[in-house]
N, C-alpha and C. Protein backbone atom coordinates (compact mmCIF):
# COMPACT_ATOMS: atom_id res chain seq x y z
N MET A 1 0.84 -1.18 0.00
CA MET A 1 0.00 0.00 0.00
C MET A 1 0.88 1.24 0.00
N LEU A 2 0.64 2.13 -0.92
CA LEU A 2 1.42 3.36 -1.01
C LEU A 2 0.86 4.38 -0.03
N THR A 3 1.74 5.10 0.60
CA THR A 3 1.32 6.19 1.48
C THR A 3 1.66 7.50 0.83
N GLN A 4 0.83 8.50 1.08
CA GLN A 4 1.07 9.81 0.49
C GLN A 4 1.88 10.64 1.47
N ARG A 5 2.92 11.27 0.95
CA ARG A 5 3.71 12.16 1.79
C ARG A 5 2.95 13.47 1.96
N ILE A 6 2.95 13.98 3.16
CA ILE A 6 2.26 15.22 3.46
C ILE A 6 3.24 16.21 4.06
N LEU A 7 3.23 17.42 3.57
CA LEU A 7 4.00 18.52 4.14
C LEU A 7 3.04 19.46 4.83
N TYR A 8 3.49 20.05 5.88
CA TYR A 8 2.66 21.01 6.57
C TYR A 8 3.25 22.39 6.39
N ARG A 9 2.41 23.32 5.95
CA ARG A 9 2.88 24.68 5.79
C ARG A 9 1.74 25.63 6.13
N SER A 10 2.12 26.80 6.52
CA SER A 10 1.10 27.81 6.84
C SER A 10 1.12 28.88 5.76
N THR A 11 -0.02 29.53 5.60
CA THR A 11 -0.10 30.61 4.62
C THR A 11 0.31 31.91 5.29
N ASP A 12 0.53 32.95 4.48
CA ASP A 12 0.95 34.24 5.02
C ASP A 12 -0.08 34.82 5.98
N SER A 13 -1.35 34.52 5.77
CA SER A 13 -2.41 35.11 6.60
C SER A 13 -2.53 34.42 7.96
N GLU A 14 -1.88 33.27 8.12
CA GLU A 14 -1.97 32.57 9.40
C GLU A 14 -0.97 33.16 10.38
N ASP A 15 -1.38 33.20 11.61
CA ASP A 15 -0.43 33.64 12.64
C ASP A 15 0.12 32.41 13.36
N ALA A 16 0.96 32.61 14.30
CA ALA A 16 1.62 31.52 15.00
C ALA A 16 0.64 30.66 15.79
N GLN A 17 -0.55 31.17 16.11
CA GLN A 17 -1.52 30.45 16.92
C GLN A 17 -2.39 29.50 16.10
N SER A 18 -2.52 29.72 14.81
CA SER A 18 -3.46 28.94 14.01
C SER A 18 -2.85 27.59 13.62
N PRO A 19 -3.71 26.58 13.41
CA PRO A 19 -3.20 25.25 13.03
C PRO A 19 -2.67 25.25 11.61
N ARG A 20 -1.78 24.33 11.34
CA ARG A 20 -1.22 24.18 10.00
C ARG A 20 -2.15 23.30 9.17
N THR A 21 -2.13 23.52 7.88
CA THR A 21 -2.97 22.73 6.99
C THR A 21 -2.11 21.73 6.23
N ALA A 22 -2.69 20.58 5.92
CA ALA A 22 -1.97 19.55 5.19
C ALA A 22 -2.16 19.76 3.69
N VAL A 23 -1.03 19.72 2.95
CA VAL A 23 -1.07 19.81 1.50
C VAL A 23 -0.18 18.71 0.93
N PRO A 24 -0.50 18.17 -0.23
CA PRO A 24 0.36 17.14 -0.81
C PRO A 24 1.78 17.68 -1.05
N ALA A 25 2.75 16.81 -0.91
CA ALA A 25 4.15 17.18 -1.12
C ALA A 25 4.36 17.68 -2.55
N SER A 26 5.26 18.59 -2.70
CA SER A 26 5.58 19.16 -4.00
C SER A 26 6.31 18.15 -4.87
N TYR A 27 6.13 18.28 -6.16
CA TYR A 27 6.87 17.45 -7.09
C TYR A 27 8.30 17.95 -7.30
N ALA A 28 8.65 19.06 -6.68
CA ALA A 28 10.00 19.60 -6.86
C ALA A 28 11.06 18.60 -6.40
N ALA A 29 10.83 17.94 -5.27
CA ALA A 29 11.79 16.94 -4.78
C ALA A 29 11.90 15.78 -5.75
N ASP A 30 10.78 15.34 -6.29
CA ASP A 30 10.80 14.24 -7.26
C ASP A 30 11.51 14.65 -8.54
N ALA A 31 11.31 15.89 -8.97
CA ALA A 31 11.99 16.38 -10.16
C ALA A 31 13.49 16.49 -9.90
N GLY A 32 13.87 16.91 -8.70
CA GLY A 32 15.29 16.98 -8.35
C GLY A 32 15.95 15.62 -8.33
N ILE A 33 15.27 14.62 -7.76
CA ILE A 33 15.82 13.27 -7.75
C ILE A 33 15.89 12.71 -9.17
N LEU A 34 14.87 13.01 -9.98
CA LEU A 34 14.90 12.60 -11.38
C LEU A 34 16.12 13.18 -12.10
N LEU A 35 16.40 14.45 -11.86
CA LEU A 35 17.56 15.09 -12.47
C LEU A 35 18.86 14.38 -12.06
N LEU A 36 18.99 14.06 -10.78
CA LEU A 36 20.17 13.31 -10.32
C LEU A 36 20.24 11.94 -10.96
N ARG A 37 19.12 11.23 -10.97
CA ARG A 37 19.09 9.89 -11.54
C ARG A 37 19.45 9.90 -13.02
N LEU A 38 18.86 10.82 -13.76
CA LEU A 38 19.14 10.88 -15.20
C LEU A 38 20.59 11.25 -15.48
N THR A 39 21.09 12.25 -14.77
CA THR A 39 22.47 12.71 -15.01
C THR A 39 23.47 11.62 -14.69
N PHE A 40 23.45 11.14 -13.45
CA PHE A 40 24.45 10.13 -13.06
C PHE A 40 24.17 8.78 -13.70
N GLY A 41 22.91 8.41 -13.82
CA GLY A 41 22.58 7.12 -14.42
C GLY A 41 22.99 7.04 -15.87
N LEU A 42 22.65 8.06 -16.65
CA LEU A 42 22.99 8.01 -18.07
C LEU A 42 24.50 8.15 -18.30
N LEU A 43 25.18 8.93 -17.46
CA LEU A 43 26.65 9.00 -17.58
C LEU A 43 27.28 7.65 -17.27
N MET A 44 26.78 6.96 -16.24
CA MET A 44 27.32 5.63 -15.92
C MET A 44 27.01 4.64 -17.03
N ALA A 45 25.80 4.69 -17.56
CA ALA A 45 25.43 3.79 -18.65
C ALA A 45 26.33 4.02 -19.86
N ALA A 46 26.58 5.27 -20.19
CA ALA A 46 27.46 5.58 -21.32
C ALA A 46 28.89 5.12 -21.04
N HIS A 47 29.34 5.25 -19.82
CA HIS A 47 30.67 4.78 -19.44
C HIS A 47 30.77 3.27 -19.63
N GLY A 48 29.71 2.55 -19.25
CA GLY A 48 29.69 1.11 -19.48
C GLY A 48 29.66 0.77 -20.96
N ALA A 49 28.91 1.54 -21.75
CA ALA A 49 28.85 1.32 -23.20
C ALA A 49 30.21 1.54 -23.85
N GLN A 50 30.99 2.46 -23.30
CA GLN A 50 32.35 2.66 -23.81
C GLN A 50 33.16 1.38 -23.68
N LYS A 51 33.05 0.76 -22.52
CA LYS A 51 33.81 -0.47 -22.26
C LYS A 51 33.30 -1.63 -23.11
N LEU A 52 31.99 -1.77 -23.19
CA LEU A 52 31.41 -2.93 -23.85
C LEU A 52 31.43 -2.83 -25.37
N PHE A 53 31.08 -1.66 -25.89
CA PHE A 53 30.82 -1.53 -27.32
C PHE A 53 31.77 -0.58 -28.05
N GLY A 54 32.62 0.12 -27.32
CA GLY A 54 33.56 1.04 -27.96
C GLY A 54 32.91 2.30 -28.50
N ILE A 55 31.71 2.63 -28.02
CA ILE A 55 31.05 3.86 -28.48
C ILE A 55 31.34 4.99 -27.50
N PHE A 56 30.98 6.20 -27.86
CA PHE A 56 31.22 7.41 -27.05
C PHE A 56 32.70 7.58 -26.75
N GLY A 57 33.55 7.23 -27.69
CA GLY A 57 34.99 7.40 -27.52
C GLY A 57 35.66 6.30 -26.72
N GLY A 58 34.94 5.22 -26.44
CA GLY A 58 35.52 4.12 -25.67
C GLY A 58 36.38 3.20 -26.52
N HIS A 59 37.04 2.27 -25.85
CA HIS A 59 37.98 1.38 -26.54
C HIS A 59 37.37 0.02 -26.87
N GLY A 60 36.22 -0.29 -26.35
CA GLY A 60 35.61 -1.58 -26.61
C GLY A 60 36.08 -2.65 -25.66
N LEU A 61 35.46 -3.80 -25.75
CA LEU A 61 35.68 -4.87 -24.78
C LEU A 61 37.09 -5.47 -24.85
N ALA A 62 37.61 -5.69 -26.05
CA ALA A 62 38.94 -6.31 -26.18
C ALA A 62 40.03 -5.44 -25.55
N ALA A 63 40.05 -4.16 -25.91
CA ALA A 63 41.07 -3.26 -25.37
C ALA A 63 40.85 -3.02 -23.87
N THR A 64 39.60 -2.89 -23.46
CA THR A 64 39.32 -2.70 -22.04
C THR A 64 39.73 -3.93 -21.25
N GLY A 65 39.52 -5.12 -21.83
CA GLY A 65 39.94 -6.35 -21.19
C GLY A 65 41.43 -6.40 -20.96
N LYS A 66 42.21 -5.90 -21.92
CA LYS A 66 43.67 -5.84 -21.75
C LYS A 66 44.04 -4.90 -20.61
N GLY A 67 43.32 -3.78 -20.53
CA GLY A 67 43.56 -2.85 -19.42
C GLY A 67 43.23 -3.47 -18.07
N PHE A 68 42.16 -4.22 -18.00
CA PHE A 68 41.79 -4.89 -16.76
C PHE A 68 42.83 -5.95 -16.38
N ALA A 69 43.32 -6.67 -17.38
CA ALA A 69 44.36 -7.67 -17.11
C ALA A 69 45.62 -7.00 -16.55
N ALA A 70 45.95 -5.82 -17.08
CA ALA A 70 47.11 -5.09 -16.58
C ALA A 70 46.92 -4.63 -15.14
N LEU A 71 45.66 -4.45 -14.72
CA LEU A 71 45.36 -4.07 -13.33
C LEU A 71 45.34 -5.28 -12.40
N GLY A 72 45.47 -6.49 -12.96
CA GLY A 72 45.48 -7.69 -12.14
C GLY A 72 44.19 -8.48 -12.14
N TYR A 73 43.23 -8.09 -12.97
CA TYR A 73 41.99 -8.84 -13.10
C TYR A 73 42.17 -9.90 -14.18
N HIS A 74 42.01 -11.17 -13.81
CA HIS A 74 42.20 -12.25 -14.78
C HIS A 74 41.02 -13.20 -14.75
N PRO A 75 40.41 -13.50 -15.87
CA PRO A 75 40.69 -12.99 -17.21
C PRO A 75 40.16 -11.56 -17.39
N GLY A 76 40.96 -10.73 -17.94
CA GLY A 76 40.65 -9.31 -18.06
C GLY A 76 39.39 -9.02 -18.84
N LYS A 77 39.16 -9.76 -19.91
CA LYS A 77 37.99 -9.51 -20.73
C LYS A 77 36.69 -9.84 -19.97
N VAL A 78 36.71 -10.87 -19.16
CA VAL A 78 35.53 -11.23 -18.36
C VAL A 78 35.24 -10.13 -17.34
N PHE A 79 36.27 -9.68 -16.65
CA PHE A 79 36.07 -8.61 -15.66
C PHE A 79 35.66 -7.30 -16.32
N ALA A 80 36.19 -7.03 -17.50
CA ALA A 80 35.78 -5.83 -18.24
C ALA A 80 34.31 -5.91 -18.61
N ALA A 81 33.85 -7.09 -19.01
CA ALA A 81 32.44 -7.28 -19.35
C ALA A 81 31.56 -7.12 -18.12
N ILE A 82 31.99 -7.66 -16.99
CA ILE A 82 31.22 -7.52 -15.74
C ILE A 82 31.15 -6.05 -15.33
N CYS A 83 32.28 -5.37 -15.40
CA CYS A 83 32.32 -3.95 -15.05
C CYS A 83 31.45 -3.12 -16.00
N GLY A 84 31.65 -3.32 -17.29
CA GLY A 84 30.86 -2.57 -18.28
C GLY A 84 29.38 -2.86 -18.15
N GLY A 85 29.03 -4.11 -17.94
CA GLY A 85 27.63 -4.48 -17.76
C GLY A 85 27.03 -3.88 -16.50
N SER A 86 27.81 -3.86 -15.42
CA SER A 86 27.34 -3.25 -14.17
C SER A 86 27.12 -1.76 -14.33
N GLU A 87 28.04 -1.11 -15.03
CA GLU A 87 27.89 0.33 -15.28
C GLU A 87 26.68 0.60 -16.18
N LEU A 88 26.56 -0.18 -17.25
CA LEU A 88 25.47 0.03 -18.20
C LEU A 88 24.11 -0.25 -17.55
N LEU A 89 23.95 -1.42 -16.97
CA LEU A 89 22.65 -1.78 -16.39
C LEU A 89 22.36 -1.01 -15.10
N GLY A 90 23.38 -0.83 -14.27
CA GLY A 90 23.18 -0.03 -13.06
C GLY A 90 22.83 1.41 -13.39
N GLY A 91 23.52 1.97 -14.36
CA GLY A 91 23.23 3.34 -14.78
C GLY A 91 21.84 3.49 -15.36
N LEU A 92 21.45 2.55 -16.23
CA LEU A 92 20.10 2.61 -16.80
C LEU A 92 19.03 2.41 -15.72
N GLY A 93 19.30 1.51 -14.78
CA GLY A 93 18.36 1.30 -13.68
C GLY A 93 18.17 2.56 -12.85
N LEU A 94 19.27 3.24 -12.55
CA LEU A 94 19.15 4.50 -11.82
C LEU A 94 18.41 5.54 -12.65
N ALA A 95 18.74 5.62 -13.92
CA ALA A 95 18.14 6.65 -14.78
C ALA A 95 16.62 6.54 -14.83
N VAL A 96 16.11 5.33 -14.99
CA VAL A 96 14.66 5.15 -15.10
C VAL A 96 14.00 4.85 -13.77
N GLY A 97 14.82 4.66 -12.73
CA GLY A 97 14.28 4.35 -11.41
C GLY A 97 13.68 2.96 -11.34
N LEU A 98 14.41 1.97 -11.84
CA LEU A 98 13.95 0.58 -11.84
C LEU A 98 14.91 -0.28 -11.03
N LEU A 99 14.35 -1.01 -10.07
CA LEU A 99 15.17 -1.83 -9.16
C LEU A 99 16.28 -0.97 -8.57
N THR A 100 15.90 0.16 -8.08
CA THR A 100 16.84 1.20 -7.65
C THR A 100 17.90 0.72 -6.67
N PRO A 101 17.55 -0.03 -5.60
CA PRO A 101 18.62 -0.47 -4.70
C PRO A 101 19.65 -1.37 -5.39
N LEU A 102 19.21 -2.22 -6.30
CA LEU A 102 20.15 -3.08 -7.02
C LEU A 102 20.97 -2.28 -8.02
N ALA A 103 20.35 -1.32 -8.69
CA ALA A 103 21.09 -0.46 -9.61
C ALA A 103 22.15 0.34 -8.85
N ALA A 104 21.78 0.86 -7.69
CA ALA A 104 22.74 1.60 -6.87
C ALA A 104 23.87 0.68 -6.41
N ALA A 105 23.55 -0.55 -6.06
CA ALA A 105 24.57 -1.51 -5.63
C ALA A 105 25.57 -1.79 -6.76
N ALA A 106 25.07 -1.93 -7.99
CA ALA A 106 25.96 -2.18 -9.12
C ALA A 106 26.94 -1.02 -9.31
N VAL A 107 26.42 0.19 -9.23
CA VAL A 107 27.26 1.37 -9.41
C VAL A 107 28.26 1.49 -8.25
N ILE A 108 27.80 1.28 -7.04
CA ILE A 108 28.68 1.37 -5.87
C ILE A 108 29.79 0.33 -5.96
N GLY A 109 29.45 -0.89 -6.33
CA GLY A 109 30.46 -1.95 -6.44
C GLY A 109 31.55 -1.62 -7.44
N VAL A 110 31.16 -1.12 -8.60
CA VAL A 110 32.13 -0.75 -9.63
C VAL A 110 33.02 0.39 -9.14
N MET A 111 32.43 1.37 -8.50
CA MET A 111 33.20 2.52 -8.04
C MET A 111 34.17 2.15 -6.91
N ILE A 112 33.76 1.23 -6.03
CA ILE A 112 34.69 0.77 -4.99
C ILE A 112 35.89 0.09 -5.64
N ASN A 113 35.64 -0.75 -6.64
CA ASN A 113 36.75 -1.39 -7.36
C ASN A 113 37.65 -0.36 -8.01
N ALA A 114 37.07 0.65 -8.61
CA ALA A 114 37.87 1.70 -9.25
C ALA A 114 38.73 2.42 -8.23
N MET A 115 38.16 2.69 -7.06
CA MET A 115 38.93 3.39 -6.02
C MET A 115 40.07 2.54 -5.51
N VAL A 116 39.83 1.25 -5.31
CA VAL A 116 40.87 0.37 -4.76
C VAL A 116 41.98 0.13 -5.78
N THR A 117 41.62 -0.12 -7.03
CA THR A 117 42.64 -0.54 -8.00
C THR A 117 43.26 0.58 -8.82
N VAL A 118 42.56 1.68 -8.98
CA VAL A 118 43.06 2.72 -9.89
C VAL A 118 43.32 4.03 -9.16
N THR A 119 42.32 4.60 -8.53
CA THR A 119 42.44 5.97 -8.05
C THR A 119 42.88 6.11 -6.60
N GLY A 120 42.73 5.08 -5.80
CA GLY A 120 43.03 5.16 -4.37
C GLY A 120 44.45 5.57 -4.05
N ALA A 121 45.39 5.12 -4.84
CA ALA A 121 46.81 5.42 -4.60
C ALA A 121 47.16 6.88 -4.89
N HIS A 122 46.23 7.62 -5.51
CA HIS A 122 46.52 8.99 -5.92
C HIS A 122 45.90 10.04 -5.02
N GLY A 123 45.34 9.62 -3.89
CA GLY A 123 44.76 10.58 -2.96
C GLY A 123 43.32 10.92 -3.27
N LEU A 124 42.90 12.07 -2.79
CA LEU A 124 41.50 12.46 -2.90
C LEU A 124 41.15 13.14 -4.22
N TRP A 125 41.95 14.10 -4.64
CA TRP A 125 41.53 14.99 -5.71
C TRP A 125 41.67 14.39 -7.10
N GLU A 126 40.66 14.62 -7.92
CA GLU A 126 40.63 14.13 -9.30
C GLU A 126 41.79 14.71 -10.12
N THR A 127 42.20 15.92 -9.81
CA THR A 127 43.31 16.55 -10.55
C THR A 127 44.61 15.76 -10.39
N ASP A 128 44.71 14.99 -9.31
CA ASP A 128 45.87 14.13 -9.08
C ASP A 128 45.58 12.68 -9.44
N GLY A 129 44.41 12.42 -10.03
CA GLY A 129 44.00 11.05 -10.36
C GLY A 129 43.37 10.33 -9.19
N GLY A 130 42.89 11.09 -8.21
CA GLY A 130 42.37 10.52 -6.97
C GLY A 130 40.92 10.07 -7.02
N VAL A 131 40.38 9.77 -5.85
CA VAL A 131 39.07 9.13 -5.70
C VAL A 131 37.88 10.08 -5.69
N GLU A 132 38.09 11.35 -5.80
CA GLU A 132 37.04 12.36 -5.68
C GLU A 132 35.80 12.03 -6.52
N TYR A 133 35.96 11.76 -7.78
CA TYR A 133 34.85 11.49 -8.69
C TYR A 133 34.11 10.20 -8.30
N SER A 134 34.87 9.16 -8.02
CA SER A 134 34.27 7.87 -7.65
C SER A 134 33.50 7.97 -6.34
N VAL A 135 34.02 8.70 -5.38
CA VAL A 135 33.31 8.90 -4.11
C VAL A 135 32.00 9.64 -4.38
N GLY A 136 32.04 10.67 -5.22
CA GLY A 136 30.83 11.41 -5.54
C GLY A 136 29.76 10.53 -6.17
N ILE A 137 30.15 9.66 -7.09
CA ILE A 137 29.20 8.76 -7.73
C ILE A 137 28.62 7.79 -6.70
N CYS A 138 29.46 7.25 -5.84
CA CYS A 138 28.99 6.33 -4.79
C CYS A 138 27.96 7.01 -3.89
N VAL A 139 28.26 8.22 -3.48
CA VAL A 139 27.36 8.93 -2.58
C VAL A 139 26.02 9.23 -3.25
N VAL A 140 26.05 9.62 -4.51
CA VAL A 140 24.79 9.88 -5.23
C VAL A 140 23.97 8.59 -5.33
N ALA A 141 24.60 7.48 -5.70
CA ALA A 141 23.88 6.21 -5.81
C ALA A 141 23.30 5.80 -4.46
N LEU A 142 24.07 5.93 -3.41
CA LEU A 142 23.60 5.57 -2.07
C LEU A 142 22.47 6.49 -1.63
N ALA A 143 22.59 7.77 -1.91
CA ALA A 143 21.54 8.73 -1.54
C ALA A 143 20.23 8.43 -2.28
N VAL A 144 20.31 8.08 -3.55
CA VAL A 144 19.09 7.75 -4.30
C VAL A 144 18.45 6.49 -3.72
N ALA A 145 19.26 5.50 -3.33
CA ALA A 145 18.70 4.31 -2.70
C ALA A 145 18.03 4.66 -1.38
N ALA A 146 18.64 5.56 -0.61
CA ALA A 146 18.08 5.94 0.69
C ALA A 146 16.82 6.80 0.54
N LEU A 147 16.84 7.74 -0.37
CA LEU A 147 15.69 8.63 -0.57
C LEU A 147 14.57 7.97 -1.35
N GLY A 148 14.92 7.01 -2.18
CA GLY A 148 13.98 6.44 -3.13
C GLY A 148 14.07 7.20 -4.42
N PRO A 149 13.65 6.59 -5.52
CA PRO A 149 13.80 7.22 -6.82
C PRO A 149 12.77 8.30 -7.11
N GLY A 150 11.80 8.49 -6.22
CA GLY A 150 10.78 9.51 -6.42
C GLY A 150 9.59 9.00 -7.19
N ARG A 151 8.59 9.85 -7.28
CA ARG A 151 7.34 9.47 -7.96
C ARG A 151 7.48 9.41 -9.47
N LEU A 152 8.55 9.97 -10.01
CA LEU A 152 8.78 9.97 -11.45
C LEU A 152 9.73 8.83 -11.82
N ALA A 153 9.42 7.63 -11.32
CA ALA A 153 10.27 6.47 -11.52
C ALA A 153 9.40 5.23 -11.70
N LEU A 154 9.96 4.23 -12.34
CA LEU A 154 9.23 2.97 -12.52
C LEU A 154 9.04 2.23 -11.20
N ASP A 155 9.92 2.44 -10.24
CA ASP A 155 9.82 1.79 -8.94
C ASP A 155 8.72 2.36 -8.04
N ARG A 156 8.06 3.41 -8.45
CA ARG A 156 7.09 4.06 -7.56
C ARG A 156 5.97 3.12 -7.12
N PHE A 157 5.76 2.02 -7.84
CA PHE A 157 4.70 1.08 -7.51
C PHE A 157 5.13 0.01 -6.52
N PHE A 158 6.42 -0.03 -6.20
CA PHE A 158 6.94 -1.09 -5.35
C PHE A 158 7.40 -0.55 -4.01
N ARG A 159 7.45 -1.41 -3.00
CA ARG A 159 7.85 -1.01 -1.65
C ARG A 159 9.24 -0.35 -1.65
N TRP A 160 10.18 -0.93 -2.37
CA TRP A 160 11.54 -0.38 -2.36
C TRP A 160 11.61 0.95 -3.11
N GLY A 161 10.57 1.32 -3.79
CA GLY A 161 10.53 2.59 -4.50
C GLY A 161 10.39 3.79 -3.59
N ARG A 162 10.17 3.56 -2.31
CA ARG A 162 10.09 4.67 -1.36
C ARG A 162 11.41 4.95 -0.67
N GLY A 163 12.40 4.10 -0.90
CA GLY A 163 13.69 4.28 -0.26
C GLY A 163 13.61 3.96 1.22
N GLY A 164 14.69 4.20 1.92
CA GLY A 164 14.74 3.96 3.35
C GLY A 164 16.08 3.38 3.76
N TRP A 165 16.20 3.13 5.05
CA TRP A 165 17.44 2.58 5.59
C TRP A 165 17.74 1.20 5.02
N ALA A 166 16.71 0.36 4.89
CA ALA A 166 16.93 -0.99 4.39
C ALA A 166 17.44 -0.97 2.95
N GLU A 167 16.87 -0.09 2.12
CA GLU A 167 17.29 0.00 0.73
C GLU A 167 18.72 0.52 0.63
N ALA A 168 19.05 1.51 1.46
CA ALA A 168 20.41 2.05 1.47
C ALA A 168 21.40 0.99 1.95
N ALA A 169 21.03 0.25 3.00
CA ALA A 169 21.91 -0.80 3.52
C ALA A 169 22.10 -1.90 2.48
N LEU A 170 21.03 -2.26 1.77
CA LEU A 170 21.15 -3.27 0.72
C LEU A 170 22.09 -2.79 -0.38
N ALA A 171 21.92 -1.56 -0.83
CA ALA A 171 22.78 -1.02 -1.90
C ALA A 171 24.25 -1.00 -1.47
N LEU A 172 24.50 -0.49 -0.28
CA LEU A 172 25.88 -0.40 0.20
C LEU A 172 26.46 -1.78 0.49
N GLY A 173 25.68 -2.63 1.14
CA GLY A 173 26.17 -3.96 1.48
C GLY A 173 26.42 -4.82 0.26
N LEU A 174 25.48 -4.84 -0.66
CA LEU A 174 25.64 -5.65 -1.87
C LEU A 174 26.74 -5.08 -2.77
N GLY A 175 26.81 -3.76 -2.87
CA GLY A 175 27.89 -3.15 -3.65
C GLY A 175 29.25 -3.44 -3.05
N GLY A 176 29.35 -3.32 -1.73
CA GLY A 176 30.61 -3.62 -1.05
C GLY A 176 31.00 -5.08 -1.15
N ALA A 177 30.02 -5.97 -0.98
CA ALA A 177 30.29 -7.41 -1.08
C ALA A 177 30.73 -7.79 -2.48
N SER A 178 30.05 -7.26 -3.49
CA SER A 178 30.45 -7.59 -4.87
C SER A 178 31.84 -7.05 -5.18
N ALA A 179 32.15 -5.88 -4.67
CA ALA A 179 33.50 -5.33 -4.87
C ALA A 179 34.54 -6.22 -4.19
N ALA A 180 34.24 -6.66 -2.97
CA ALA A 180 35.18 -7.52 -2.23
C ALA A 180 35.41 -8.83 -2.97
N ILE A 181 34.34 -9.40 -3.52
CA ILE A 181 34.48 -10.65 -4.28
C ILE A 181 35.35 -10.44 -5.51
N ALA A 182 35.07 -9.38 -6.26
CA ALA A 182 35.86 -9.12 -7.48
C ALA A 182 37.32 -8.85 -7.13
N LEU A 183 37.55 -8.12 -6.05
CA LEU A 183 38.92 -7.82 -5.66
C LEU A 183 39.65 -9.05 -5.13
N GLY A 184 38.89 -9.99 -4.57
CA GLY A 184 39.48 -11.18 -4.00
C GLY A 184 39.79 -12.28 -5.01
N LEU A 185 39.22 -12.17 -6.18
CA LEU A 185 39.44 -13.22 -7.20
C LEU A 185 40.76 -13.06 -7.92
């Protein structure tokens, strides 16, 4: 059963003594979450497409696989496909608001791997090749899982479409666990 969010606000003519009236929540928050989901989701999906298909200036699966092998992922092409697929599907899931906690987990897992294997040794700032960008993406994905994808999402009909602590914990836990597994292989 879906519950309606209610905000309480008073009008200019009300004084401090009068009761507040209930009005439906504004769509501004949903539009803001949609903007975040579309921006970060579509950028992640495009990043995955670069790895998988060589479009948007990417190198494609064969060359990306060689890069992954050089980072210590063996077989490199398999890990490149997993990474590219996680970015593509996780990004698209975030963008349309479908299976949001799982989409967030996919993005978080990939970004944790990127931080550990590529950017972590370079410190915080992106200008030095650091983790700044990856941390930002992780936080956005986790925040969307916690807040929920909003009413302008395909998940709006499902319980997990409202977000919450459980959804955030699932995204972070599953993303972290998948990263640990990939790093441990």
